[in-house]
Amino acid sequence: MPPFADTGTLAVDNVNLLDAEFALTNGPWQFQSELVYAMVNQMGGPEVAFPGIYAQAAYILTGEHRPYNWKNAVLGRVIPRNDFGPGGYGAWEVACRWSRVDLTDANVDGGVLNDVTGGLNWYLNARAKVQFNYIHAFLDRPSGNNSNADVVACRAQFDF
């Protein structure tokens, strides 16, 4: 299966990346966004720029929260009030996300890829979760070779 969005091989002198991220948690709500901007100096070609961005929001239906770890500057893990098991159902979270990457500039036609994700996360305990996602992706290319894709994904995560 060919890549959905692809610049092809680029001969470059160097790449400079700029990045900014924002995150906010308030009770069961979480908001996060990031902007990345790649400036690519091509060998024998023009300088091109490839911006990317995402924004997401999540709400924990069972009332838990995602703490912020100031020491490590990262969002912490969701710890269910009641682990899944006898008498417990874990923690449940709904989430939505939009992301976009523009891989088209000057002599590069990698396409502009947008996708929208709806998710349901089930935290069985502090070290295990199951994610269910529906993703709709749509690719626009100046050449007119546009495409759409729908993805249903499920992932289990266990960490120790």
N, C-alpha and C. Protein backbone atom coordinates (compact mmCIF):
# COMPACT_ATOMS: atom_id res chain seq x y z
N MET A 1 0.84 -1.16 0.00
CA MET A 1 0.00 0.00 0.00
C MET A 1 0.90 1.24 0.00
N PRO A 2 0.74 2.14 -0.93
CA PRO A 2 1.57 3.35 -0.98
C PRO A 2 1.23 4.29 0.18
N PRO A 3 2.20 5.14 0.58
CA PRO A 3 1.91 6.11 1.64
C PRO A 3 0.75 7.02 1.23
N PHE A 4 -0.04 7.41 2.21
CA PHE A 4 -1.21 8.25 1.94
C PHE A 4 -0.79 9.67 1.60
N ALA A 5 0.12 10.24 2.37
CA ALA A 5 0.68 11.56 2.08
C ALA A 5 2.19 11.36 1.99
N ASP A 6 2.81 11.85 0.91
CA ASP A 6 4.21 11.52 0.67
C ASP A 6 4.87 12.60 -0.16
N THR A 7 5.99 13.11 0.31
CA THR A 7 6.75 14.10 -0.45
C THR A 7 7.68 13.43 -1.45
N GLY A 8 7.87 12.13 -1.35
CA GLY A 8 8.91 11.46 -2.13
C GLY A 8 10.24 11.75 -1.46
N THR A 9 11.31 11.26 -2.04
CA THR A 9 12.64 11.48 -1.49
C THR A 9 13.10 12.89 -1.84
N LEU A 10 13.55 13.63 -0.84
CA LEU A 10 14.04 14.98 -1.04
C LEU A 10 15.53 15.02 -0.67
N ALA A 11 16.35 15.56 -1.56
CA ALA A 11 17.76 15.79 -1.23
C ALA A 11 17.83 17.14 -0.53
N VAL A 12 18.32 17.15 0.72
CA VAL A 12 18.31 18.38 1.50
C VAL A 12 19.68 18.68 2.09
N ASP A 13 19.94 19.98 2.26
CA ASP A 13 21.13 20.42 2.99
C ASP A 13 20.88 20.34 4.49
N ASN A 14 19.73 20.88 4.91
CA ASN A 14 19.37 20.82 6.32
C ASN A 14 17.88 21.09 6.49
N VAL A 15 17.40 20.79 7.70
CA VAL A 15 16.01 21.01 8.07
C VAL A 15 16.01 21.71 9.42
N ASN A 16 15.22 22.77 9.54
CA ASN A 16 15.04 23.46 10.81
C ASN A 16 13.59 23.27 11.24
N LEU A 17 13.40 22.89 12.50
CA LEU A 17 12.07 22.66 13.03
C LEU A 17 11.75 23.68 14.11
N LEU A 18 10.56 24.24 14.04
CA LEU A 18 10.02 25.08 15.10
C LEU A 18 8.81 24.35 15.65
N ASP A 19 8.62 24.41 16.97
CA ASP A 19 7.53 23.67 17.58
C ASP A 19 6.99 24.45 18.78
N ALA A 20 5.69 24.47 18.94
CA ALA A 20 5.05 25.06 20.10
C ALA A 20 3.91 24.16 20.52
N GLU A 21 3.77 23.96 21.83
CA GLU A 21 2.73 23.07 22.34
C GLU A 21 1.99 23.76 23.48
N PHE A 22 0.71 23.45 23.60
CA PHE A 22 -0.15 24.00 24.64
C PHE A 22 -0.96 22.86 25.23
N ALA A 23 -1.07 22.83 26.55
CA ALA A 23 -1.91 21.83 27.20
C ALA A 23 -2.57 22.46 28.42
N LEU A 24 -3.81 22.05 28.67
CA LEU A 24 -4.57 22.56 29.81
C LEU A 24 -5.44 21.43 30.33
N THR A 25 -5.43 21.25 31.63
CA THR A 25 -6.36 20.32 32.26
C THR A 25 -7.15 21.09 33.30
N ASN A 26 -8.42 20.76 33.40
CA ASN A 26 -9.30 21.39 34.37
C ASN A 26 -10.35 20.36 34.76
N GLY A 27 -10.18 19.76 35.94
CA GLY A 27 -11.08 18.69 36.35
C GLY A 27 -11.03 17.56 35.34
N PRO A 28 -12.18 17.11 34.86
CA PRO A 28 -12.18 16.01 33.90
C PRO A 28 -11.87 16.44 32.46
N TRP A 29 -11.69 17.73 32.21
CA TRP A 29 -11.41 18.24 30.86
C TRP A 29 -9.91 18.30 30.58
N GLN A 30 -9.56 18.03 29.33
CA GLN A 30 -8.18 18.21 28.88
C GLN A 30 -8.22 18.80 27.48
N PHE A 31 -7.37 19.80 27.24
CA PHE A 31 -7.21 20.40 25.92
C PHE A 31 -5.72 20.39 25.60
N GLN A 32 -5.43 20.12 24.35
CA GLN A 32 -4.02 20.09 23.94
C GLN A 32 -3.93 20.46 22.47
N SER A 33 -2.84 21.16 22.12
CA SER A 33 -2.61 21.54 20.74
C SER A 33 -1.11 21.67 20.51
N GLU A 34 -0.71 21.47 19.27
CA GLU A 34 0.71 21.60 18.93
C GLU A 34 0.82 22.09 17.49
N LEU A 35 1.82 22.93 17.27
CA LEU A 35 2.14 23.44 15.95
C LEU A 35 3.60 23.11 15.67
N VAL A 36 3.87 22.51 14.53
CA VAL A 36 5.24 22.23 14.11
C VAL A 36 5.43 22.81 12.72
N TYR A 37 6.60 23.37 12.49
CA TYR A 37 6.88 24.03 11.22
C TYR A 37 8.27 23.59 10.78
N ALA A 38 8.34 22.87 9.67
CA ALA A 38 9.62 22.37 9.14
C ALA A 38 10.04 23.24 7.96
N MET A 39 11.23 23.80 8.07
CA MET A 39 11.81 24.59 6.98
C MET A 39 12.94 23.75 6.38
N VAL A 40 12.76 23.38 5.11
CA VAL A 40 13.65 22.42 4.45
C VAL A 40 14.45 23.13 3.37
N ASN A 41 15.77 23.10 3.49
CA ASN A 41 16.66 23.66 2.48
C ASN A 41 17.06 22.53 1.53
N GLN A 42 16.47 22.54 0.34
CA GLN A 42 16.75 21.49 -0.64
C GLN A 42 18.09 21.74 -1.34
N MET A 43 18.76 20.67 -1.64
CA MET A 43 19.99 20.77 -2.45
C MET A 43 19.56 21.00 -3.90
N GLY A 44 19.97 22.11 -4.48
CA GLY A 44 19.63 22.40 -5.87
C GLY A 44 18.18 22.76 -6.09
N GLY A 45 17.45 23.09 -5.04
CA GLY A 45 16.04 23.45 -5.17
C GLY A 45 15.69 24.54 -4.19
N PRO A 46 14.45 25.00 -4.24
CA PRO A 46 14.04 26.09 -3.35
C PRO A 46 13.86 25.62 -1.91
N GLU A 47 13.90 26.56 -0.99
CA GLU A 47 13.55 26.25 0.39
C GLU A 47 12.04 26.05 0.45
N VAL A 48 11.61 25.00 1.13
CA VAL A 48 10.19 24.71 1.27
C VAL A 48 9.84 24.64 2.75
N ALA A 49 8.56 24.86 3.05
CA ALA A 49 8.09 24.83 4.43
C ALA A 49 6.90 23.89 4.53
N PHE A 50 6.88 23.09 5.57
CA PHE A 50 5.81 22.12 5.80
C PHE A 50 5.24 22.32 7.20
N PRO A 51 4.10 22.99 7.33
CA PRO A 51 3.49 23.18 8.65
C PRO A 51 2.56 22.02 9.01
N GLY A 52 2.48 21.76 10.30
CA GLY A 52 1.55 20.76 10.82
C GLY A 52 0.94 21.26 12.12
N ILE A 53 -0.28 20.85 12.40
CA ILE A 53 -0.97 21.30 13.61
C ILE A 53 -1.98 20.24 14.04
N TYR A 54 -2.21 20.17 15.34
CA TYR A 54 -3.34 19.38 15.82
C TYR A 54 -3.96 20.10 17.01
N ALA A 55 -5.22 19.80 17.26
CA ALA A 55 -5.94 20.29 18.44
C ALA A 55 -6.84 19.16 18.90
N GLN A 56 -6.87 18.95 20.20
CA GLN A 56 -7.71 17.88 20.72
C GLN A 56 -8.34 18.30 22.04
N ALA A 57 -9.46 17.67 22.34
CA ALA A 57 -10.16 17.89 23.60
C ALA A 57 -10.62 16.53 24.10
N ALA A 58 -10.62 16.36 25.42
CA ALA A 58 -11.06 15.10 26.02
C ALA A 58 -11.81 15.40 27.30
N TYR A 59 -12.74 14.51 27.63
CA TYR A 59 -13.52 14.64 28.84
C TYR A 59 -13.63 13.27 29.48
N ILE A 60 -13.26 13.16 30.75
CA ILE A 60 -13.34 11.88 31.47
C ILE A 60 -14.73 11.77 32.08
N LEU A 61 -15.51 10.87 31.54
CA LEU A 61 -16.92 10.71 31.91
C LEU A 61 -17.10 10.32 33.37
N THR A 62 -16.13 9.60 33.93
CA THR A 62 -16.26 9.09 35.30
C THR A 62 -15.69 10.06 36.34
N GLY A 63 -15.25 11.26 35.91
CA GLY A 63 -14.88 12.32 36.82
C GLY A 63 -13.41 12.41 37.21
N GLU A 64 -12.56 11.47 36.83
CA GLU A 64 -11.14 11.55 37.16
C GLU A 64 -10.51 12.71 36.41
N HIS A 65 -9.25 12.95 36.67
CA HIS A 65 -8.55 14.03 35.97
C HIS A 65 -7.17 13.53 35.54
N ARG A 66 -6.58 14.25 34.60
CA ARG A 66 -5.22 13.96 34.14
C ARG A 66 -4.32 15.05 34.73
N PRO A 67 -3.50 14.70 35.72
CA PRO A 67 -2.67 15.72 36.37
C PRO A 67 -1.51 16.16 35.47
N TYR A 68 -0.97 17.33 35.79
CA TYR A 68 0.20 17.83 35.07
C TYR A 68 1.41 17.67 35.98
N ASN A 69 2.47 17.07 35.47
CA ASN A 69 3.70 16.86 36.21
C ASN A 69 4.62 18.03 35.91
N TRP A 70 4.68 19.00 36.82
CA TRP A 70 5.48 20.21 36.60
C TRP A 70 6.97 19.89 36.55
N LYS A 71 7.43 18.93 37.33
CA LYS A 71 8.85 18.59 37.37
C LYS A 71 9.35 18.09 36.01
N ASN A 72 8.57 17.24 35.36
CA ASN A 72 8.96 16.68 34.07
C ASN A 72 8.30 17.37 32.88
N ALA A 73 7.42 18.33 33.15
CA ALA A 73 6.70 19.09 32.12
C ALA A 73 5.94 18.17 31.16
N VAL A 74 5.18 17.23 31.74
CA VAL A 74 4.37 16.30 30.95
C VAL A 74 3.01 16.10 31.63
N LEU A 75 2.05 15.70 30.85
CA LEU A 75 0.76 15.32 31.41
C LEU A 75 0.91 13.94 32.05
N GLY A 76 0.29 13.76 33.20
CA GLY A 76 0.36 12.49 33.91
C GLY A 76 -0.68 11.50 33.42
N ARG A 77 -0.74 10.40 34.10
CA ARG A 77 -1.68 9.34 33.70
C ARG A 77 -3.00 9.47 34.45
N VAL A 78 -4.04 8.96 33.82
CA VAL A 78 -5.35 8.90 34.46
C VAL A 78 -5.34 7.70 35.40
N ILE A 79 -5.71 7.92 36.65
CA ILE A 79 -5.79 6.84 37.63
C ILE A 79 -7.26 6.68 38.02
N PRO A 80 -7.88 5.56 37.61
CA PRO A 80 -9.30 5.35 37.91
C PRO A 80 -9.56 5.33 39.42
N ARG A 81 -10.70 5.88 39.81
CA ARG A 81 -11.12 5.81 41.21
C ARG A 81 -11.45 4.38 41.60
N ASN A 82 -12.00 3.64 40.64
CA ASN A 82 -12.37 2.24 40.86
C ASN A 82 -11.78 1.41 39.73
N ASP A 83 -10.71 0.66 40.01
CA ASP A 83 -10.13 -0.21 38.98
C ASP A 83 -11.17 -1.18 38.46
N PHE A 84 -11.00 -1.58 37.21
CA PHE A 84 -11.91 -2.56 36.62
C PHE A 84 -11.76 -3.88 37.36
N GLY A 85 -12.86 -4.47 37.71
CA GLY A 85 -12.88 -5.75 38.43
C GLY A 85 -14.18 -5.83 39.21
N PRO A 86 -14.24 -6.73 40.16
CA PRO A 86 -15.47 -6.85 40.96
C PRO A 86 -15.86 -5.51 41.59
N GLY A 87 -16.98 -4.99 41.18
CA GLY A 87 -17.48 -3.73 41.71
C GLY A 87 -16.87 -2.49 41.11
N GLY A 88 -15.91 -2.63 40.19
CA GLY A 88 -15.27 -1.47 39.60
C GLY A 88 -15.37 -1.48 38.08
N TYR A 89 -15.43 -0.30 37.48
CA TYR A 89 -15.59 -0.21 36.02
C TYR A 89 -14.47 0.58 35.37
N GLY A 90 -13.44 0.98 36.13
CA GLY A 90 -12.35 1.75 35.56
C GLY A 90 -12.78 3.18 35.29
N ALA A 91 -12.08 3.85 34.41
CA ALA A 91 -12.40 5.23 34.02
C ALA A 91 -12.66 5.26 32.52
N TRP A 92 -13.61 6.10 32.10
CA TRP A 92 -13.98 6.21 30.70
C TRP A 92 -13.81 7.65 30.24
N GLU A 93 -13.24 7.81 29.05
CA GLU A 93 -12.95 9.13 28.50
C GLU A 93 -13.39 9.19 27.04
N VAL A 94 -14.00 10.31 26.65
CA VAL A 94 -14.30 10.56 25.24
C VAL A 94 -13.35 11.65 24.76
N ALA A 95 -12.96 11.57 23.50
CA ALA A 95 -11.99 12.53 22.97
C ALA A 95 -12.28 12.80 21.50
N CYS A 96 -11.87 13.98 21.06
CA CYS A 96 -11.93 14.31 19.64
C CYS A 96 -10.65 15.06 19.27
N ARG A 97 -10.26 14.91 18.02
CA ARG A 97 -9.00 15.51 17.57
C ARG A 97 -9.10 15.88 16.10
N TRP A 98 -8.48 16.99 15.75
CA TRP A 98 -8.31 17.39 14.35
C TRP A 98 -6.82 17.62 14.14
N SER A 99 -6.31 17.12 13.03
CA SER A 99 -4.91 17.38 12.70
C SER A 99 -4.78 17.66 11.21
N ARG A 100 -3.69 18.39 10.89
CA ARG A 100 -3.45 18.80 9.51
C ARG A 100 -1.95 18.89 9.29
N VAL A 101 -1.50 18.38 8.17
CA VAL A 101 -0.11 18.58 7.75
C VAL A 101 -0.14 18.97 6.27
N ASP A 102 0.64 19.98 5.94
CA ASP A 102 0.71 20.48 4.56
C ASP A 102 2.09 20.15 4.00
N LEU A 103 2.14 19.16 3.13
CA LEU A 103 3.39 18.71 2.53
C LEU A 103 3.53 19.18 1.09
N THR A 104 2.87 20.29 0.75
CA THR A 104 2.93 20.84 -0.59
C THR A 104 3.50 22.26 -0.52
N ASP A 105 4.60 22.47 -1.25
CA ASP A 105 5.19 23.80 -1.33
C ASP A 105 6.16 23.80 -2.51
N ALA A 106 6.15 24.86 -3.29
CA ALA A 106 7.06 25.04 -4.44
C ALA A 106 7.06 23.79 -5.32
N ASN A 107 8.17 23.06 -5.38
CA ASN A 107 8.30 21.90 -6.26
C ASN A 107 7.90 20.58 -5.60
N VAL A 108 7.31 20.61 -4.42
CA VAL A 108 6.94 19.40 -3.69
C VAL A 108 5.42 19.29 -3.61
N ASP A 109 4.87 18.17 -4.07
CA ASP A 109 3.43 17.93 -4.05
C ASP A 109 3.13 16.71 -3.18
N GLY A 110 3.34 16.87 -1.87
CA GLY A 110 3.06 15.77 -0.95
C GLY A 110 1.61 15.72 -0.51
N GLY A 111 0.87 16.79 -0.74
CA GLY A 111 -0.54 16.83 -0.37
C GLY A 111 -0.77 17.53 0.94
N VAL A 112 -2.03 17.88 1.15
CA VAL A 112 -2.48 18.45 2.42
C VAL A 112 -3.40 17.42 3.05
N LEU A 113 -2.97 16.88 4.18
CA LEU A 113 -3.71 15.82 4.84
C LEU A 113 -4.40 16.37 6.08
N ASN A 114 -5.71 16.24 6.14
CA ASN A 114 -6.51 16.57 7.32
C ASN A 114 -7.12 15.28 7.84
N ASP A 115 -7.23 15.16 9.14
CA ASP A 115 -8.00 14.04 9.67
C ASP A 115 -8.73 14.46 10.93
N VAL A 116 -9.85 13.80 11.15
CA VAL A 116 -10.69 14.03 12.31
C VAL A 116 -10.84 12.69 13.01
N THR A 117 -10.64 12.70 14.33
CA THR A 117 -10.69 11.46 15.11
C THR A 117 -11.70 11.60 16.23
N GLY A 118 -12.49 10.58 16.43
CA GLY A 118 -13.36 10.45 17.60
C GLY A 118 -12.87 9.25 18.38
N GLY A 119 -12.71 9.40 19.69
CA GLY A 119 -12.14 8.30 20.46
C GLY A 119 -12.87 8.03 21.75
N LEU A 120 -12.74 6.80 22.20
CA LEU A 120 -13.24 6.36 23.50
C LEU A 120 -12.10 5.60 24.16
N ASN A 121 -11.68 6.07 25.34
CA ASN A 121 -10.58 5.44 26.07
C ASN A 121 -11.13 4.83 27.36
N TRP A 122 -10.71 3.60 27.62
CA TRP A 122 -11.13 2.89 28.82
C TRP A 122 -9.89 2.58 29.64
N TYR A 123 -9.76 3.21 30.79
CA TYR A 123 -8.63 2.98 31.69
C TYR A 123 -9.05 1.92 32.69
N LEU A 124 -8.51 0.71 32.53
CA LEU A 124 -8.87 -0.38 33.42
C LEU A 124 -8.27 -0.18 34.81
N ASN A 125 -7.05 0.32 34.85
CA ASN A 125 -6.37 0.68 36.10
C ASN A 125 -5.28 1.68 35.73
N ALA A 126 -4.38 2.00 36.65
CA ALA A 126 -3.36 3.01 36.37
C ALA A 126 -2.34 2.57 35.33
N ARG A 127 -2.29 1.29 34.99
CA ARG A 127 -1.27 0.78 34.08
C ARG A 127 -1.83 0.11 32.82
N ALA A 128 -3.13 0.16 32.62
CA ALA A 128 -3.72 -0.50 31.45
C ALA A 128 -4.88 0.31 30.91
N LYS A 129 -4.91 0.43 29.57
CA LYS A 129 -6.05 1.10 28.94
C LYS A 129 -6.31 0.47 27.58
N VAL A 130 -7.53 0.67 27.12
CA VAL A 130 -7.95 0.22 25.80
C VAL A 130 -8.49 1.45 25.08
N GLN A 131 -8.05 1.66 23.83
CA GLN A 131 -8.49 2.81 23.04
C GLN A 131 -9.29 2.33 21.84
N PHE A 132 -10.37 3.02 21.57
CA PHE A 132 -11.19 2.77 20.39
C PHE A 132 -11.24 4.09 19.62
N ASN A 133 -10.88 4.08 18.33
CA ASN A 133 -10.85 5.29 17.53
C ASN A 133 -11.52 5.10 16.17
N TYR A 134 -12.21 6.13 15.75
CA TYR A 134 -12.67 6.23 14.36
C TYR A 134 -11.97 7.46 13.78
N ILE A 135 -11.31 7.29 12.65
CA ILE A 135 -10.55 8.36 12.01
C ILE A 135 -11.05 8.53 10.58
N HIS A 136 -11.35 9.76 10.21
CA HIS A 136 -11.66 10.07 8.81
C HIS A 136 -10.55 10.99 8.32
N ALA A 137 -9.82 10.55 7.30
CA ALA A 137 -8.71 11.32 6.73
C ALA A 137 -9.05 11.71 5.31
N PHE A 138 -8.67 12.93 4.94
CA PHE A 138 -8.89 13.36 3.56
C PHE A 138 -7.66 14.10 3.08
N LEU A 139 -7.18 13.68 1.92
CA LEU A 139 -5.95 14.21 1.32
C LEU A 139 -6.30 15.01 0.08
N ASP A 140 -5.81 16.24 0.03
CA ASP A 140 -5.98 17.11 -1.14
C ASP A 140 -4.61 17.35 -1.75
N ARG A 141 -4.52 17.18 -3.06
CA ARG A 141 -3.27 17.44 -3.78
C ARG A 141 -3.54 18.43 -4.90
N PRO A 142 -2.61 19.36 -5.13
CA PRO A 142 -2.77 20.28 -6.26
C PRO A 142 -2.89 19.55 -7.59
N SER A 143 -2.27 18.37 -7.68
CA SER A 143 -2.34 17.61 -8.93
C SER A 143 -3.73 17.02 -9.17
N GLY A 144 -4.61 17.10 -8.15
CA GLY A 144 -5.96 16.58 -8.30
C GLY A 144 -6.10 15.13 -7.89
N ASN A 145 -5.04 14.48 -7.46
CA ASN A 145 -5.08 13.09 -7.03
C ASN A 145 -5.50 13.03 -5.56
N ASN A 146 -6.76 13.43 -5.29
CA ASN A 146 -7.29 13.49 -3.94
C ASN A 146 -7.73 12.12 -3.46
N SER A 147 -7.82 11.95 -2.14
CA SER A 147 -8.19 10.65 -1.60
C SER A 147 -8.81 10.82 -0.22
N ASN A 148 -9.60 9.85 0.19
CA ASN A 148 -10.20 9.79 1.53
C ASN A 148 -9.96 8.42 2.11
N ALA A 149 -9.93 8.34 3.43
CA ALA A 149 -9.80 7.05 4.10
C ALA A 149 -10.57 7.09 5.41
N ASP A 150 -11.14 5.96 5.77
CA ASP A 150 -11.80 5.79 7.06
C ASP A 150 -11.10 4.64 7.78
N VAL A 151 -10.77 4.87 9.05
CA VAL A 151 -10.03 3.89 9.83
C VAL A 151 -10.78 3.65 11.13
N VAL A 152 -10.95 2.40 11.49
CA VAL A 152 -11.44 2.02 12.80
C VAL A 152 -10.29 1.29 13.47
N ALA A 153 -9.91 1.77 14.65
CA ALA A 153 -8.74 1.21 15.31
C ALA A 153 -9.04 0.91 16.77
N CYS A 154 -8.40 -0.12 17.27
CA CYS A 154 -8.48 -0.49 18.67
C CYS A 154 -7.07 -0.82 19.12
N ARG A 155 -6.69 -0.29 20.28
CA ARG A 155 -5.34 -0.55 20.79
C ARG A 155 -5.41 -0.80 22.28
N ALA A 156 -4.66 -1.80 22.74
CA ALA A 156 -4.52 -2.07 24.17
C ALA A 156 -3.12 -1.65 24.59
N GLN A 157 -3.03 -1.02 25.75
CA GLN A 157 -1.73 -0.57 26.25
C GLN A 157 -1.56 -1.02 27.70
N PHE A 158 -0.43 -1.66 27.95
CA PHE A 158 -0.06 -2.09 29.30
C PHE A 158 1.34 -1.58 29.57
N ASP A 159 1.56 -0.90 30.68
CA ASP A 159 2.92 -0.45 30.98
C ASP A 159 3.26 -0.78 32.43
N PHE A 160 4.53 -0.95 32.66
CA PHE A 160 4.99 -1.36 33.99
C PHE A 160 6.14 -0.51 34.43
